[in-house]
Amino acid sequence: MTAPVRIADAETVRLLRPGDRVDVIAAGDPAAGGTARVLARGARVVRVPRATTGGADAEVPGSTGRDGSVPDGAVPVGADGALPAGTDGGALIALRVPPATAARLAGASATTRLAVTLW
């Protein structure tokens, strides 16, 4: 199953590529007594955001092609890497996980910040 997951640190997401494996960690607020816990282990990255550019940069990995297409596994965002208006920070990725893990990720993402570690 493919699960969309918003990772709190967009800069960390820029390190990811489709096909990478990650652990997803729920980072509880330490001031409120929260602790970090692993929600998913070895999840396969399916889609990640990529800055879209044109012209001379068209062949740079992660950019759009000469025909304006976006490479497989890439989701276009602003040329400066910014998220679309209306988002509350972080970056959205898609992960291939079992259904039970997808449910855990969806539940946790509604109440806590999520982070990833790259294998």
PDB file of N, CA and C in Angstrom:
ATOM      1  N   MET A   1       0.853  -1.171   0.000  1.00  0.00           N
ATOM      2  CA  MET A   1       0.000   0.000   0.000  1.00  0.00           C
ATOM      3  C   MET A   1       0.898   1.234   0.000  1.00  0.00           C
ATOM      4  N   THR A   2       0.478   2.262  -0.678  1.00  0.00           N
ATOM      5  CA  THR A   2       1.223   3.521  -0.702  1.00  0.00           C
ATOM      6  C   THR A   2       0.562   4.507   0.245  1.00  0.00           C
ATOM      7  N   ALA A   3       1.362   5.057   1.164  1.00  0.00           N
ATOM      8  CA  ALA A   3       0.840   5.983   2.165  1.00  0.00           C
ATOM      9  C   ALA A   3       1.510   7.344   2.034  1.00  0.00           C
ATOM     10  N   PRO A   4       0.724   8.423   1.929  1.00  0.00           N
ATOM     11  CA  PRO A   4       1.318   9.763   1.950  1.00  0.00           C
ATOM     12  C   PRO A   4       1.698  10.118   3.384  1.00  0.00           C
ATOM     13  N   VAL A   5       2.888  10.689   3.547  1.00  0.00           N
ATOM     14  CA  VAL A   5       3.387  11.009   4.880  1.00  0.00           C
ATOM     15  C   VAL A   5       4.040  12.388   4.833  1.00  0.00           C
ATOM     16  N   ARG A   6       3.625  13.290   5.726  1.00  0.00           N
ATOM     17  CA  ARG A   6       4.248  14.610   5.800  1.00  0.00           C
ATOM     18  C   ARG A   6       5.381  14.556   6.811  1.00  0.00           C
ATOM     19  N   ILE A   7       6.601  14.788   6.327  1.00  0.00           N
ATOM     20  CA  ILE A   7       7.785  14.799   7.164  1.00  0.00           C
ATOM     21  C   ILE A   7       8.035  16.241   7.593  1.00  0.00           C
ATOM     22  N   ALA A   8       8.293  16.451   8.881  1.00  0.00           N
ATOM     23  CA  ALA A   8       8.384  17.801   9.438  1.00  0.00           C
ATOM     24  C   ALA A   8       9.522  18.630   8.838  1.00  0.00           C
ATOM     25  N   ASP A   9      10.652  18.018   8.551  1.00  0.00           N
ATOM     26  CA  ASP A   9      11.815  18.751   8.050  1.00  0.00           C
ATOM     27  C   ASP A   9      11.957  18.561   6.544  1.00  0.00           C
ATOM     28  N   ALA A  10      11.575  19.584   5.780  1.00  0.00           N
ATOM     29  CA  ALA A  10      11.630  19.499   4.322  1.00  0.00           C
ATOM     30  C   ALA A  10      13.057  19.323   3.817  1.00  0.00           C
ATOM     31  N   GLU A  11      14.039  19.851   4.529  1.00  0.00           N
ATOM     32  CA  GLU A  11      15.434  19.696   4.103  1.00  0.00           C
ATOM     33  C   GLU A  11      15.863  18.235   4.158  1.00  0.00           C
ATOM     34  N   THR A  12      15.397  17.499   5.145  1.00  0.00           N
ATOM     35  CA  THR A  12      15.702  16.071   5.220  1.00  0.00           C
ATOM     36  C   THR A  12      15.108  15.342   4.027  1.00  0.00           C
ATOM     37  N   VAL A  13      13.911  15.712   3.647  1.00  0.00           N
ATOM     38  CA  VAL A  13      13.233  15.063   2.521  1.00  0.00           C
ATOM     39  C   VAL A  13      14.015  15.266   1.226  1.00  0.00           C
ATOM     40  N   ARG A  14      14.688  16.382   1.098  1.00  0.00           N
ATOM     41  CA  ARG A  14      15.465  16.638  -0.123  1.00  0.00           C
ATOM     42  C   ARG A  14      16.626  15.659  -0.290  1.00  0.00           C
ATOM     43  N   LEU A  15      16.990  14.959   0.760  1.00  0.00           N
ATOM     44  CA  LEU A  15      18.046  13.945   0.679  1.00  0.00           C
ATOM     45  C   LEU A  15      17.527  12.620   0.114  1.00  0.00           C
ATOM     46  N   LEU A  16      16.206  12.460   0.092  1.00  0.00           N
ATOM     47  CA  LEU A  16      15.604  11.193  -0.305  1.00  0.00           C
ATOM     48  C   LEU A  16      15.419  11.087  -1.812  1.00  0.00           C
ATOM     49  N   ARG A  17      15.453   9.838  -2.285  1.00  0.00           N
ATOM     50  CA  ARG A  17      15.198   9.520  -3.682  1.00  0.00           C
ATOM     51  C   ARG A  17      14.239   8.340  -3.742  1.00  0.00           C
ATOM     52  N   PRO A  18      13.411   8.252  -4.780  1.00  0.00           N
ATOM     53  CA  PRO A  18      12.568   7.062  -4.918  1.00  0.00           C
ATOM     54  C   PRO A  18      13.439   5.803  -4.905  1.00  0.00           C
ATOM     55  N   GLY A  19      12.974   4.806  -4.157  1.00  0.00           N
ATOM     56  CA  GLY A  19      13.719   3.567  -4.015  1.00  0.00           C
ATOM     57  C   GLY A  19      14.487   3.474  -2.710  1.00  0.00           C
ATOM     58  N   ASP A  20      14.759   4.619  -2.062  1.00  0.00           N
ATOM     59  CA  ASP A  20      15.431   4.602  -0.761  1.00  0.00           C
ATOM     60  C   ASP A  20      14.554   3.896   0.263  1.00  0.00           C
ATOM     61  N   ARG A  21      15.181   3.399   1.295  1.00  0.00           N
ATOM     62  CA  ARG A  21      14.451   2.832   2.433  1.00  0.00           C
ATOM     63  C   ARG A  21      14.683   3.727   3.639  1.00  0.00           C
ATOM     64  N   VAL A  22      13.598   3.944   4.402  1.00  0.00           N
ATOM     65  CA  VAL A  22      13.668   4.827   5.566  1.00  0.00           C
ATOM     66  C   VAL A  22      12.931   4.212   6.752  1.00  0.00           C
ATOM     67  N   ASP A  23      13.312   4.651   7.926  1.00  0.00           N
ATOM     68  CA  ASP A  23      12.513   4.428   9.123  1.00  0.00           C
ATOM     69  C   ASP A  23      11.768   5.728   9.381  1.00  0.00           C
ATOM     70  N   VAL A  24      10.514   5.640   9.790  1.00  0.00           N
ATOM     71  CA  VAL A  24       9.721   6.828  10.117  1.00  0.00           C
ATOM     72  C   VAL A  24       9.577   6.888  11.628  1.00  0.00           C
ATOM     73  N   ILE A  25       9.901   8.058  12.171  1.00  0.00           N
ATOM     74  CA  ILE A  25       9.920   8.246  13.618  1.00  0.00           C
ATOM     75  C   ILE A  25       8.947   9.341  14.009  1.00  0.00           C
ATOM     76  N   ALA A  26       8.120   9.056  15.008  1.00  0.00           N
ATOM     77  CA  ALA A  26       7.226  10.068  15.581  1.00  0.00           C
ATOM     78  C   ALA A  26       8.009  10.763  16.680  1.00  0.00           C
ATOM     79  N   ALA A  27       8.186  12.050  16.529  1.00  0.00           N
ATOM     80  CA  ALA A  27       8.963  12.830  17.494  1.00  0.00           C
ATOM     81  C   ALA A  27       8.024  13.555  18.433  1.00  0.00           C
ATOM     82  N   GLY A  28       7.797  12.978  19.603  1.00  0.00           N
ATOM     83  CA  GLY A  28       6.930  13.607  20.594  1.00  0.00           C
ATOM     84  C   GLY A  28       7.586  14.832  21.200  1.00  0.00           C
ATOM     85  N   ASP A  29       6.798  15.781  21.646  1.00  0.00           N
ATOM     86  CA  ASP A  29       7.304  17.010  22.250  1.00  0.00           C
ATOM     87  C   ASP A  29       7.923  16.688  23.608  1.00  0.00           C
ATOM     88  N   PRO A  30       9.258  16.862  23.759  1.00  0.00           N
ATOM     89  CA  PRO A  30       9.910  16.545  25.031  1.00  0.00           C
ATOM     90  C   PRO A  30       9.367  17.380  26.198  1.00  0.00           C
ATOM     91  N   ALA A  31       8.943  18.610  25.929  1.00  0.00           N
ATOM     92  CA  ALA A  31       8.414  19.468  26.988  1.00  0.00           C
ATOM     93  C   ALA A  31       7.125  18.906  27.570  1.00  0.00           C
ATOM     94  N   ALA A  32       6.417  18.120  26.762  1.00  0.00           N
ATOM     95  CA  ALA A  32       5.162  17.522  27.214  1.00  0.00           C
ATOM     96  C   ALA A  32       5.362  16.072  27.654  1.00  0.00           C
ATOM     97  N   GLY A  33       6.623  15.665  27.794  1.00  0.00           N
ATOM     98  CA  GLY A  33       6.893  14.294  28.216  1.00  0.00           C
ATOM     99  C   GLY A  33       6.877  13.290  27.083  1.00  0.00           C
ATOM    100  N   GLY A  34       6.838  13.785  25.839  1.00  0.00           N
ATOM    101  CA  GLY A  34       6.799  12.892  24.688  1.00  0.00           C
ATOM    102  C   GLY A  34       8.159  12.280  24.394  1.00  0.00           C
ATOM    103  N   THR A  35       8.153  11.124  23.796  1.00  0.00           N
ATOM    104  CA  THR A  35       9.387  10.453  23.404  1.00  0.00           C
ATOM    105  C   THR A  35       9.309  10.097  21.927  1.00  0.00           C
ATOM    106  N   ALA A  36      10.444   9.766  21.356  1.00  0.00           N
ATOM    107  CA  ALA A  36      10.473   9.344  19.954  1.00  0.00           C
ATOM    108  C   ALA A  36      10.150   7.862  19.881  1.00  0.00           C
ATOM    109  N   ARG A  37       9.388   7.491  18.840  1.00  0.00           N
ATOM    110  CA  ARG A  37       9.097   6.071  18.623  1.00  0.00           C
ATOM    111  C   ARG A  37       9.082   5.784  17.133  1.00  0.00           C
ATOM    112  N   VAL A  38       9.548   4.606  16.768  1.00  0.00           N
ATOM    113  CA  VAL A  38       9.606   4.211  15.366  1.00  0.00           C
ATOM    114  C   VAL A  38       8.236   3.679  14.948  1.00  0.00           C
ATOM    115  N   LEU A  39       7.684   4.258  13.891  1.00  0.00           N
ATOM    116  CA  LEU A  39       6.374   3.851  13.381  1.00  0.00           C
ATOM    117  C   LEU A  39       6.482   2.894  12.206  1.00  0.00           C
ATOM    118  N   ALA A  40       7.549   3.040  11.422  1.00  0.00           N
ATOM    119  CA  ALA A  40       7.742   2.184  10.249  1.00  0.00           C
ATOM    120  C   ALA A  40       9.230   1.923  10.083  1.00  0.00           C
ATOM    121  N   ARG A  41       9.576   0.691   9.776  1.00  0.00           N
ATOM    122  CA  ARG A  41      10.982   0.316   9.546  1.00  0.00           C
ATOM    123  C   ARG A  41      11.146  -0.160   8.106  1.00  0.00           C
ATOM    124  N   GLY A  42      12.165   0.396   7.451  1.00  0.00           N
ATOM    125  CA  GLY A  42      12.473  -0.048   6.094  1.00  0.00           C
ATOM    126  C   GLY A  42      11.426   0.269   5.057  1.00  0.00           C
ATOM    127  N   ALA A  43      10.667   1.328   5.250  1.00  0.00           N
ATOM    128  CA  ALA A  43       9.638   1.714   4.274  1.00  0.00           C
ATOM    129  C   ALA A  43      10.313   2.180   2.985  1.00  0.00           C
ATOM    130  N   ARG A  44       9.782   1.740   1.853  1.00  0.00           N
ATOM    131  CA  ARG A  44      10.347   2.123   0.553  1.00  0.00           C
ATOM    132  C   ARG A  44       9.759   3.464   0.121  1.00  0.00           C
ATOM    133  N   VAL A  45      10.637   4.421  -0.223  1.00  0.00           N
ATOM    134  CA  VAL A  45      10.207   5.733  -0.720  1.00  0.00           C
ATOM    135  C   VAL A  45       9.713   5.555  -2.155  1.00  0.00           C
ATOM    136  N   VAL A  46       8.478   6.011  -2.407  1.00  0.00           N
ATOM    137  CA  VAL A  46       7.878   5.894  -3.733  1.00  0.00           C
ATOM    138  C   VAL A  46       7.904   7.231  -4.462  1.00  0.00           C
ATOM    139  N   ARG A  47       7.558   8.310  -3.764  1.00  0.00           N
ATOM    140  CA  ARG A  47       7.522   9.643  -4.373  1.00  0.00           C
ATOM    141  C   ARG A  47       8.079  10.665  -3.398  1.00  0.00           C
ATOM    142  N   VAL A  48       8.806  11.638  -3.958  1.00  0.00           N
ATOM    143  CA  VAL A  48       9.351  12.743  -3.178  1.00  0.00           C
ATOM    144  C   VAL A  48       9.156  14.036  -3.963  1.00  0.00           C
ATOM    145  N   PRO A  49       9.077  15.175  -3.274  1.00  0.00           N
ATOM    146  CA  PRO A  49       8.963  16.441  -4.004  1.00  0.00           C
ATOM    147  C   PRO A  49      10.295  16.800  -4.648  1.00  0.00           C
ATOM    148  N   ARG A  50      10.234  17.437  -5.804  1.00  0.00           N
ATOM    149  CA  ARG A  50      11.426  17.916  -6.503  1.00  0.00           C
ATOM    150  C   ARG A  50      11.149  19.319  -7.008  1.00  0.00           C
ATOM    151  N   ALA A  51      12.152  20.182  -6.925  1.00  0.00           N
ATOM    152  CA  ALA A  51      12.023  21.517  -7.495  1.00  0.00           C
ATOM    153  C   ALA A  51      11.934  21.386  -9.007  1.00  0.00           C
ATOM    154  N   THR A  52      11.071  22.165  -9.622  1.00  0.00           N
ATOM    155  CA  THR A  52      10.951  22.133 -11.075  1.00  0.00           C
ATOM    156  C   THR A  52      11.601  23.378 -11.643  1.00  0.00           C
ATOM    157  N   THR A  53      12.404  23.188 -12.654  1.00  0.00           N
ATOM    158  CA  THR A  53      13.061  24.305 -13.329  1.00  0.00           C
ATOM    159  C   THR A  53      12.931  24.082 -14.820  1.00  0.00           C
ATOM    160  N   GLY A  54      13.318  25.035 -15.582  1.00  0.00           N
ATOM    161  CA  GLY A  54      13.270  24.873 -17.026  1.00  0.00           C
ATOM    162  C   GLY A  54      14.568  25.353 -17.638  1.00  0.00           C
ATOM    163  N   GLY A  55      14.598  25.457 -18.927  1.00  0.00           N
ATOM    164  CA  GLY A  55      15.761  26.000 -19.617  1.00  0.00           C
ATOM    165  C   GLY A  55      17.003  25.163 -19.413  1.00  0.00           C
ATOM    166  N   ALA A  56      18.120  25.835 -19.078  1.00  0.00           N
ATOM    167  CA  ALA A  56      19.422  25.182 -18.994  1.00  0.00           C
ATOM    168  C   ALA A  56      19.476  24.087 -17.943  1.00  0.00           C
ATOM    169  N   ASP A  57      18.626  24.151 -16.940  1.00  0.00           N
ATOM    170  CA  ASP A  57      18.657  23.159 -15.878  1.00  0.00           C
ATOM    171  C   ASP A  57      17.746  21.975 -16.168  1.00  0.00           C
ATOM    172  N   ALA A  58      17.188  21.879 -17.337  1.00  0.00           N
ATOM    173  CA  ALA A  58      16.168  20.874 -17.634  1.00  0.00           C
ATOM    174  C   ALA A  58      16.659  19.446 -17.473  1.00  0.00           C
ATOM    175  N   GLU A  59      17.966  19.200 -17.588  1.00  0.00           N
ATOM    176  CA  GLU A  59      18.446  17.839 -17.478  1.00  0.00           C
ATOM    177  C   GLU A  59      19.053  17.529 -16.122  1.00  0.00           C
ATOM    178  N   VAL A  60      18.986  18.443 -15.206  1.00  0.00           N
ATOM    179  CA  VAL A  60      19.471  18.184 -13.856  1.00  0.00           C
ATOM    180  C   VAL A  60      18.537  17.177 -13.201  1.00  0.00           C
ATOM    181  N   PRO A  61      19.077  16.110 -12.566  1.00  0.00           N
ATOM    182  CA  PRO A  61      18.195  15.131 -11.923  1.00  0.00           C
ATOM    183  C   PRO A  61      17.212  15.811 -10.981  1.00  0.00           C
ATOM    184  N   GLY A  62      15.958  15.408 -11.068  1.00  0.00           N
ATOM    185  CA  GLY A  62      14.933  15.985 -10.210  1.00  0.00           C
ATOM    186  C   GLY A  62      14.242  17.183 -10.815  1.00  0.00           C
ATOM    187  N   SER A  63      14.679  17.647 -11.984  1.00  0.00           N
ATOM    188  CA  SER A  63      14.013  18.779 -12.611  1.00  0.00           C
ATOM    189  C   SER A  63      13.062  18.260 -13.688  1.00  0.00           C
ATOM    190  N   THR A  64      12.338  19.176 -14.303  1.00  0.00           N
ATOM    191  CA  THR A  64      11.436  18.747 -15.365  1.00  0.00           C
ATOM    192  C   THR A  64      12.231  18.467 -16.625  1.00  0.00           C
ATOM    193  N   GLY A  65      11.678  17.628 -17.488  1.00  0.00           N
ATOM    194  CA  GLY A  65      12.317  17.352 -18.760  1.00  0.00           C
ATOM    195  C   GLY A  65      12.089  18.485 -19.734  1.00  0.00           C
ATOM    196  N   ARG A  66      12.708  18.377 -20.901  1.00  0.00           N
ATOM    197  CA  ARG A  66      12.561  19.427 -21.916  1.00  0.00           C
ATOM    198  C   ARG A  66      11.110  19.613 -22.345  1.00  0.00           C
ATOM    199  N   ASP A  67      10.321  18.554 -22.227  1.00  0.00           N
ATOM    200  CA  ASP A  67       8.916  18.648 -22.611  1.00  0.00           C
ATOM    201  C   ASP A  67       8.024  19.095 -21.452  1.00  0.00           C
ATOM    202  N   GLY A  68       8.644  19.454 -20.313  1.00  0.00           N
ATOM    203  CA  GLY A  68       7.880  19.908 -19.160  1.00  0.00           C
ATOM    204  C   GLY A  68       7.408  18.789 -18.266  1.00  0.00           C
ATOM    205  N   SER A  69       7.753  17.541 -18.621  1.00  0.00           N
ATOM    206  CA  SER A  69       7.323  16.410 -17.807  1.00  0.00           C
ATOM    207  C   SER A  69       8.160  16.324 -16.533  1.00  0.00           C
ATOM    208  N   VAL A  70       7.618  15.631 -15.564  1.00  0.00           N
ATOM    209  CA  VAL A  70       8.307  15.421 -14.296  1.00  0.00           C
ATOM    210  C   VAL A  70       8.744  13.966 -14.254  1.00  0.00           C
ATOM    211  N   PRO A  71      10.008  13.673 -13.902  1.00  0.00           N
ATOM    212  CA  PRO A  71      10.475  12.292 -13.880  1.00  0.00           C
ATOM    213  C   PRO A  71       9.638  11.417 -12.951  1.00  0.00           C
ATOM    214  N   ASP A  72       9.629  10.103 -13.226  1.00  0.00           N
ATOM    215  CA  ASP A  72       8.922   9.162 -12.364  1.00  0.00           C
ATOM    216  C   ASP A  72       9.388   9.315 -10.933  1.00  0.00           C
ATOM    217  N   GLY A  73       8.447   9.276 -10.004  1.00  0.00           N
ATOM    218  CA  GLY A  73       8.782   9.371  -8.589  1.00  0.00           C
ATOM    219  C   GLY A  73       8.999  10.780  -8.089  1.00  0.00           C
ATOM    220  N   ALA A  74       8.829  11.787  -8.936  1.00  0.00           N
ATOM    221  CA  ALA A  74       9.030  13.168  -8.518  1.00  0.00           C
ATOM    222  C   ALA A  74       7.705  13.906  -8.525  1.00  0.00           C
ATOM    223  N   VAL A  75       7.530  14.761  -7.540  1.00  0.00           N
ATOM    224  CA  VAL A  75       6.325  15.581  -7.427  1.00  0.00           C
ATOM    225  C   VAL A  75       6.755  17.024  -7.568  1.00  0.00           C
ATOM    226  N   PRO A  76       6.228  17.774  -8.556  1.00  0.00           N
ATOM    227  CA  PRO A  76       6.696  19.142  -8.733  1.00  0.00           C
ATOM    228  C   PRO A  76       6.293  20.049  -7.583  1.00  0.00           C
ATOM    229  N   VAL A  77       7.248  20.880  -7.176  1.00  0.00           N
ATOM    230  CA  VAL A  77       6.991  21.942  -6.206  1.00  0.00           C
ATOM    231  C   VAL A  77       7.576  23.209  -6.806  1.00  0.00           C
ATOM    232  N   GLY A  78       7.559  24.293  -6.094  1.00  0.00           N
ATOM    233  CA  GLY A  78       8.069  25.549  -6.625  1.00  0.00           C
ATOM    234  C   GLY A  78       9.540  25.473  -7.009  1.00  0.00           C
ATOM    235  N   ALA A  79       9.977  26.360  -7.903  1.00  0.00           N
ATOM    236  CA  ALA A  79      11.361  26.363  -8.366  1.00  0.00           C
ATOM    237  C   ALA A  79      12.343  26.564  -7.215  1.00  0.00           C
ATOM    238  N   ASP A  80      11.906  27.218  -6.158  1.00  0.00           N
ATOM    239  CA  ASP A  80      12.791  27.421  -5.006  1.00  0.00           C
ATOM    240  C   ASP A  80      12.671  26.281  -3.995  1.00  0.00           C
ATOM    241  N   GLY A  81      11.917  25.233  -4.350  1.00  0.00           N
ATOM    242  CA  GLY A  81      11.746  24.096  -3.454  1.00  0.00           C
ATOM    243  C   GLY A  81      10.641  24.294  -2.437  1.00  0.00           C
ATOM    244  N   ALA A  82       9.935  25.419  -2.529  1.00  0.00           N
ATOM    245  CA  ALA A  82       8.880  25.714  -1.557  1.00  0.00           C
ATOM    246  C   ALA A  82       7.672  24.820  -1.778  1.00  0.00           C
ATOM    247  N   LEU A  83       6.973  24.575  -0.694  1.00  0.00           N
ATOM    248  CA  LEU A  83       5.739  23.807  -0.774  1.00  0.00           C
ATOM    249  C   LEU A  83       4.619  24.685  -1.308  1.00  0.00           C
ATOM    250  N   PRO A  84       3.599  24.088  -1.883  1.00  0.00           N
ATOM    251  CA  PRO A  84       2.462  24.872  -2.368  1.00  0.00           C
ATOM    252  C   PRO A  84       1.790  25.631  -1.218  1.00  0.00           C
ATOM    253  N   ALA A  85       1.126  26.721  -1.558  1.00  0.00           N
ATOM    254  CA  ALA A  85       0.405  27.508  -0.563  1.00  0.00           C
ATOM    255  C   ALA A  85      -0.617  26.633   0.151  1.00  0.00           C
ATOM    256  N   GLY A  86      -0.816  26.910   1.437  1.00  0.00           N
ATOM    257  CA  GLY A  86      -1.815  26.169   2.184  1.00  0.00           C
ATOM    258  C   GLY A  86      -1.246  24.989   2.954  1.00  0.00           C
ATOM    259  N   THR A  87       0.041  24.702   2.809  1.00  0.00           N
ATOM    260  CA  THR A  87       0.618  23.617   3.584  1.00  0.00           C
ATOM    261  C   THR A  87       1.174  24.180   4.877  1.00  0.00           C
ATOM    262  N   ASP A  88       1.314  23.337   5.872  1.00  0.00           N
ATOM    263  CA  ASP A  88       1.751  23.824   7.179  1.00  0.00           C
ATOM    264  C   ASP A  88       3.203  23.465   7.461  1.00  0.00           C
ATOM    265  N   GLY A  89       4.020  23.380   6.440  1.00  0.00           N
ATOM    266  CA  GLY A  89       5.431  23.095   6.617  1.00  0.00           C
ATOM    267  C   GLY A  89       5.750  21.646   6.330  1.00  0.00           C
ATOM    268  N   GLY A  90       7.025  21.351   6.364  1.00  0.00           N
ATOM    269  CA  GLY A  90       7.455  19.997   6.083  1.00  0.00           C
ATOM    270  C   GLY A  90       7.342  19.690   4.606  1.00  0.00           C
ATOM    271  N   ALA A  91       7.376  18.415   4.281  1.00  0.00           N
ATOM    272  CA  ALA A  91       7.276  17.982   2.889  1.00  0.00           C
ATOM    273  C   ALA A  91       6.558  16.645   2.839  1.00  0.00           C
ATOM    274  N   LEU A  92       5.752  16.477   1.817  1.00  0.00           N
ATOM    275  CA  LEU A  92       4.958  15.266   1.654  1.00  0.00           C
ATOM    276  C   LEU A  92       5.711  14.257   0.795  1.00  0.00           C
ATOM    277  N   ILE A  93       5.823  13.032   1.304  1.00  0.00           N
ATOM    278  CA  ILE A  93       6.408  11.941   0.546  1.00  0.00           C
ATOM    279  C   ILE A  93       5.402  10.796   0.518  1.00  0.00           C
ATOM    280  N   ALA A  94       5.636   9.842  -0.359  1.00  0.00           N
ATOM    281  CA  ALA A  94       4.799   8.641  -0.399  1.00  0.00           C
ATOM    282  C   ALA A  94       5.693   7.442  -0.119  1.00  0.00           C
ATOM    283  N   LEU A  95       5.211   6.568   0.762  1.00  0.00           N
ATOM    284  CA  LEU A  95       5.965   5.391   1.169  1.00  0.00           C
ATOM    285  C   LEU A  95       5.173   4.126   0.895  1.00  0.00           C
ATOM    286  N   ARG A  96       5.844   3.069   0.488  1.00  0.00           N
ATOM    287  CA  ARG A  96       5.218   1.762   0.316  1.00  0.00           C
ATOM    288  C   ARG A  96       5.365   1.016   1.633  1.00  0.00           C
ATOM    289  N   VAL A  97       4.217   0.740   2.277  1.00  0.00           N
ATOM    290  CA  VAL A  97       4.190   0.089   3.588  1.00  0.00           C
ATOM    291  C   VAL A  97       3.007  -0.875   3.657  1.00  0.00           C
ATOM    292  N   PRO A  98       3.041  -1.813   4.612  1.00  0.00           N
ATOM    293  CA  PRO A  98       1.870  -2.673   4.816  1.00  0.00           C
ATOM    294  C   PRO A  98       0.672  -1.841   5.301  1.00  0.00           C
ATOM    295  N   PRO A  99      -0.554  -2.327   5.086  1.00  0.00           N
ATOM    296  CA  PRO A  99      -1.750  -1.576   5.495  1.00  0.00           C
ATOM    297  C   PRO A  99      -1.756  -1.168   6.979  1.00  0.00           C
ATOM    298  N   ALA A 100      -1.342  -2.045   7.867  1.00  0.00           N
ATOM    299  CA  ALA A 100      -1.350  -1.695   9.303  1.00  0.00           C
ATOM    300  C   ALA A 100      -0.390  -0.546   9.584  1.00  0.00           C
ATOM    301  N   THR A 101       0.745  -0.533   8.906  1.00  0.00           N
ATOM    302  CA  THR A 101       1.714   0.557   9.086  1.00  0.00           C
ATOM    303  C   THR A 101       1.159   1.850   8.515  1.00  0.00           C
ATOM    304  N   ALA A 102       0.471   1.775   7.387  1.00  0.00           N
ATOM    305  CA  ALA A 102      -0.144   2.968   6.794  1.00  0.00           C
ATOM    306  C   ALA A 102      -1.141   3.594   7.763  1.00  0.00           C
ATOM    307  N   ALA A 103      -1.910   2.773   8.443  1.00  0.00           N
ATOM    308  CA  ALA A 103      -2.872   3.283   9.433  1.00  0.00           C
ATOM    309  C   ALA A 103      -2.149   3.958  10.587  1.00  0.00           C
ATOM    310  N   ARG A 104      -1.050   3.357  11.062  1.00  0.00           N
ATOM    311  CA  ARG A 104      -0.261   3.957  12.151  1.00  0.00           C
ATOM    312  C   ARG A 104       0.302   5.310  11.735  1.00  0.00           C
ATOM    313  N   LEU A 105       0.822   5.364  10.514  1.00  0.00           N
ATOM    314  CA  LEU A 105       1.398   6.623  10.014  1.00  0.00           C
ATOM    315  C   LEU A 105       0.343   7.708   9.897  1.00  0.00           C
ATOM    316  N   ALA A 106      -0.829   7.357   9.374  1.00  0.00           N
ATOM    317  CA  ALA A 106      -1.908   8.340   9.229  1.00  0.00           C
ATOM    318  C   ALA A 106      -2.356   8.863  10.586  1.00  0.00           C
ATOM    319  N   GLY A 107      -2.496   7.973  11.546  1.00  0.00           N
ATOM    320  CA  GLY A 107      -2.914   8.399  12.884  1.00  0.00           C
ATOM    321  C   GLY A 107      -1.887   9.295  13.559  1.00  0.00           C
ATOM    322  N   ALA A 108      -0.628   8.914  13.464  1.00  0.00           N
ATOM    323  CA  ALA A 108       0.427   9.687  14.115  1.00  0.00           C
ATOM    324  C   ALA A 108       0.621  11.041  13.452  1.00  0.00           C
ATOM    325  N   SER A 109       0.493  11.095  12.120  1.00  0.00           N
ATOM    326  CA  SER A 109       0.739  12.358  11.427  1.00  0.00           C
ATOM    327  C   SER A 109      -0.287  13.426  11.798  1.00  0.00           C
ATOM    328  N   ALA A 110      -1.432  13.006  12.311  1.00  0.00           N
ATOM    329  CA  ALA A 110      -2.459  13.963  12.722  1.00  0.00           C
ATOM    330  C   ALA A 110      -2.142  14.614  14.058  1.00  0.00           C
ATOM    331  N   THR A 111      -1.248  14.005  14.839  1.00  0.00           N
ATOM    332  CA  THR A 111      -1.005  14.517  16.188  1.00  0.00           C
ATOM    333  C   THR A 111       0.441  14.818  16.535  1.00  0.00           C
ATOM    334  N   THR A 112       1.384  14.405  15.709  1.00  0.00           N
ATOM    335  CA  THR A 112       2.801  14.603  16.042  1.00  0.00           C
ATOM    336  C   THR A 112       3.632  14.855  14.794  1.00  0.00           C
ATOM    337  N   ARG A 113       4.836  15.379  14.986  1.00  0.00           N
ATOM    338  CA  ARG A 113       5.759  15.609  13.890  1.00  0.00           C
ATOM    339  C   ARG A 113       6.476  14.322  13.551  1.00  0.00           C
ATOM    340  N   LEU A 114       6.643  14.069  12.246  1.00  0.00           N
ATOM    341  CA  LEU A 114       7.303  12.844  11.810  1.00  0.00           C
ATOM    342  C   LEU A 114       8.662  13.173  11.205  1.00  0.00           C
ATOM    343  N   ALA A 115       9.608  12.274  11.421  1.00  0.00           N
ATOM    344  CA  ALA A 115      10.964  12.401  10.877  1.00  0.00           C
ATOM    345  C   ALA A 115      11.327  11.075  10.217  1.00  0.00           C
ATOM    346  N   VAL A 116      12.374  11.092   9.392  1.00  0.00           N
ATOM    347  CA  VAL A 116      12.857   9.859   8.771  1.00  0.00           C
ATOM    348  C   VAL A 116      14.348   9.715   9.005  1.00  0.00           C
ATOM    349  N   THR A 117      14.789   8.469   9.034  1.00  0.00           N
ATOM    350  CA  THR A 117      16.204   8.154   8.987  1.00  0.00           C
ATOM    351  C   THR A 117      16.429   7.296   7.760  1.00  0.00           C
ATOM    352  N   LEU A 118      17.468   7.595   7.027  1.00  0.00           N
ATOM    353  CA  LEU A 118      17.768   6.900   5.784  1.00  0.00           C
ATOM    354  C   LEU A 118      18.615   5.687   6.062  1.00  0.00           C
ATOM    355  N   TRP A 119      18.273   4.545   5.439  1.00  0.00           N
ATOM    356  CA  TRP A 119      19.065   3.316   5.587  1.00  0.00           C
ATOM    357  C   TRP A 119      20.315   3.438   4.789  1.00  0.00           C
TER     358      TRP A 119
END
